[in-house]
C-alpha atoms as a PDB file:
ATOM      1  CA  UNK A   1       0.000   0.000   0.000  1.00  0.00           C
ATOM      2  CA  UNK A   2       1.306   3.463  -0.907  1.00  0.00           C
ATOM      3  CA  UNK A   3       0.530   6.405   1.386  1.00  0.00           C
ATOM      4  CA  UNK A   4       1.352   9.910   0.142  1.00  0.00           C
ATOM      5  CA  UNK A   5       1.964  12.525   2.823  1.00  0.00           C
ATOM      6  CA  UNK A   6      -0.843  15.098   2.865  1.00  0.00           C
ATOM      7  CA  UNK A   7       0.144  18.733   2.403  1.00  0.00           C
ATOM      8  CA  UNK A   8      -0.883  19.532   5.990  1.00  0.00           C
ATOM      9  CA  UNK A   9       1.745  17.100   7.331  1.00  0.00           C
ATOM     10  CA  UNK A  10       4.385  18.494   4.956  1.00  0.00           C
ATOM     11  CA  UNK A  11       3.604  22.081   6.018  1.00  0.00           C
ATOM     12  CA  UNK A  12       3.896  21.071   9.693  1.00  0.00           C
ATOM     13  CA  UNK A  13       7.117  19.124   8.919  1.00  0.00           C
ATOM     14  CA  UNK A  14       5.480  15.964  10.278  1.00  0.00           C
ATOM     15  CA  UNK A  15       6.854  14.078   7.268  1.00  0.00           C
ATOM     16  CA  UNK A  16      10.423  14.532   8.527  1.00  0.00           C
ATOM     17  CA  UNK A  17      12.577  12.136  10.512  1.00  0.00           C
ATOM     18  CA  UNK A  18      15.994  12.842  11.980  1.00  0.00           C
ATOM     19  CA  UNK A  19      18.218   9.811  12.493  1.00  0.00           C
ATOM     20  CA  UNK A  20      20.783  11.048  14.984  1.00  0.00           C
ATOM     21  CA  UNK A  21      23.146   8.050  14.719  1.00  0.00           C
ATOM     22  CA  UNK A  22      23.572   8.698  10.989  1.00  0.00           C
ATOM     23  CA  UNK A  23      23.137  12.514  11.091  1.00  0.00           C
ATOM     24  CA  UNK A  24      20.428  12.158   8.447  1.00  0.00           C
ATOM     25  CA  UNK A  25      17.317  14.277   7.947  1.00  0.00           C
ATOM     26  CA  UNK A  26      14.671  12.510   5.861  1.00  0.00           C
ATOM     27  CA  UNK A  27      11.846  14.509   4.270  1.00  0.00           C
ATOM     28  CA  UNK A  28       9.329  11.843   3.316  1.00  0.00           C
ATOM     29  CA  UNK A  29       7.239  12.106   0.170  1.00  0.00           C
ATOM     30  CA  UNK A  30       5.427   8.792   0.608  1.00  0.00           C
ATOM     31  CA  UNK A  31       5.351   5.544   2.582  1.00  0.00           C
ATOM     32  CA  UNK A  32       4.885   2.031   1.221  1.00  0.00           C
ATOM     33  CA  UNK A  33       4.259  -1.205   3.052  1.00  0.00           C
ATOM     34  CA  UNK A  34       1.911  -2.934   5.446  1.00  0.00           C
ATOM     35  CA  UNK A  35       1.801  -4.463   8.893  1.00  0.00           C
ATOM     36  CA  UNK A  36       5.024  -3.502  10.644  1.00  0.00           C
ATOM     37  CA  UNK A  37       7.258  -3.323   7.542  1.00  0.00           C
ATOM     38  CA  UNK A  38       7.513  -0.057   5.547  1.00  0.00           C
ATOM     39  CA  UNK A  39       9.714   2.064   3.342  1.00  0.00           C
ATOM     40  CA  UNK A  40       9.818   5.840   3.282  1.00  0.00           C
ATOM     41  CA  UNK A  41      10.914   7.598   0.101  1.00  0.00           C
ATOM     42  CA  UNK A  42      11.910  11.222  -0.178  1.00  0.00           C
ATOM     43  CA  UNK A  43      14.837  13.621   0.146  1.00  0.00           C
ATOM     44  CA  UNK A  44      17.649  12.840   2.570  1.00  0.00           C
ATOM     45  CA  UNK A  45      20.113  15.452   3.780  1.00  0.00           C
ATOM     46  CA  UNK A  46      23.423  13.972   4.916  1.00  0.00           C
ATOM     47  CA  UNK A  47      26.310  16.275   5.866  1.00  0.00           C
ATOM     48  CA  UNK A  48      24.699  19.139   3.937  1.00  0.00           C
ATOM     49  CA  UNK A  49      24.236  17.107   0.737  1.00  0.00           C
ATOM     50  CA  UNK A  50      20.693  16.435  -0.498  1.00  0.00           C
ATOM     51  CA  UNK A  51      19.831  13.066  -2.052  1.00  0.00           C
ATOM     52  CA  UNK A  52      16.566  12.724  -3.968  1.00  0.00           C
ATOM     53  CA  UNK A  53      14.627   9.441  -4.236  1.00  0.00           C
ATOM     54  CA  UNK A  54      16.343   8.198  -1.064  1.00  0.00           C
ATOM     55  CA  UNK A  55      14.666   5.147   0.472  1.00  0.00           C
ATOM     56  CA  UNK A  56      14.782   3.908   4.047  1.00  0.00           C
ATOM     57  CA  UNK A  57      13.355   0.494   4.906  1.00  0.00           C
ATOM     58  CA  UNK A  58      12.142   0.095   8.483  1.00  0.00           C
ATOM     59  CA  UNK A  59      10.116  -2.087  10.778  1.00  0.00           C
ATOM     60  CA  UNK A  60       7.893  -0.837  13.570  1.00  0.00           C
ATOM     61  CA  UNK A  61       7.933  -2.333  17.048  1.00  0.00           C
ATOM     62  CA  UNK A  62       4.193  -2.951  16.744  1.00  0.00           C
ATOM     63  CA  UNK A  63       1.477  -2.611  14.139  1.00  0.00           C
ATOM     64  CA  UNK A  64      -0.430   0.666  13.966  1.00  0.00           C
ATOM     65  CA  UNK A  65      -3.247   2.051  11.855  1.00  0.00           C
ATOM     66  CA  UNK A  66      -2.056   2.278   8.241  1.00  0.00           C
ATOM     67  CA  UNK A  67      -2.025   6.088   8.109  1.00  0.00           C
ATOM     68  CA  UNK A  68       0.888   8.466   7.596  1.00  0.00           C
ATOM     69  CA  UNK A  69       0.217  10.041  10.989  1.00  0.00           C
ATOM     70  CA  UNK A  70       0.234   6.761  12.929  1.00  0.00           C
ATOM     71  CA  UNK A  71       3.251   5.311  11.133  1.00  0.00           C
ATOM     72  CA  UNK A  72       5.328   8.469  11.627  1.00  0.00           C
ATOM     73  CA  UNK A  73       4.445   8.557  15.345  1.00  0.00           C
ATOM     74  CA  UNK A  74       5.355   4.892  15.909  1.00  0.00           C
ATOM     75  CA  UNK A  75       8.672   3.658  17.270  1.00  0.00           C
ATOM     76  CA  UNK A  76      11.006   1.821  14.888  1.00  0.00           C
ATOM     77  CA  UNK A  77      12.589  -1.534  15.689  1.00  0.00           C
ATOM     78  CA  UNK A  78      15.256  -1.262  12.986  1.00  0.00           C
ATOM     79  CA  UNK A  79      16.017   0.562   9.721  1.00  0.00           C
ATOM     80  CA  UNK A  80      18.328   0.273   6.724  1.00  0.00           C
ATOM     81  CA  UNK A  81      19.147   2.477   3.731  1.00  0.00           C
ATOM     82  CA  UNK A  82      18.116   1.058   0.361  1.00  0.00           C
ATOM     83  CA  UNK A  83      19.496   3.907  -1.787  1.00  0.00           C
END
């Protein structure tokens, strides 16, 4: 399932994730997946460089409602960079 971030979330920067361990800011454009397993695609900023079409795969600790809001508020179990 593909979930596109609504403009209200983008305006409020609720589509952004900061991964402190990797010093990466992800600005999500959409989410794909189901259950606890998802990918987020968007623009990543790493050390001042911006990377478009960057994808992070992640798994949630527990299943949540399949909405952008619920997925972004949930805690991740693990993540990995796909590109």
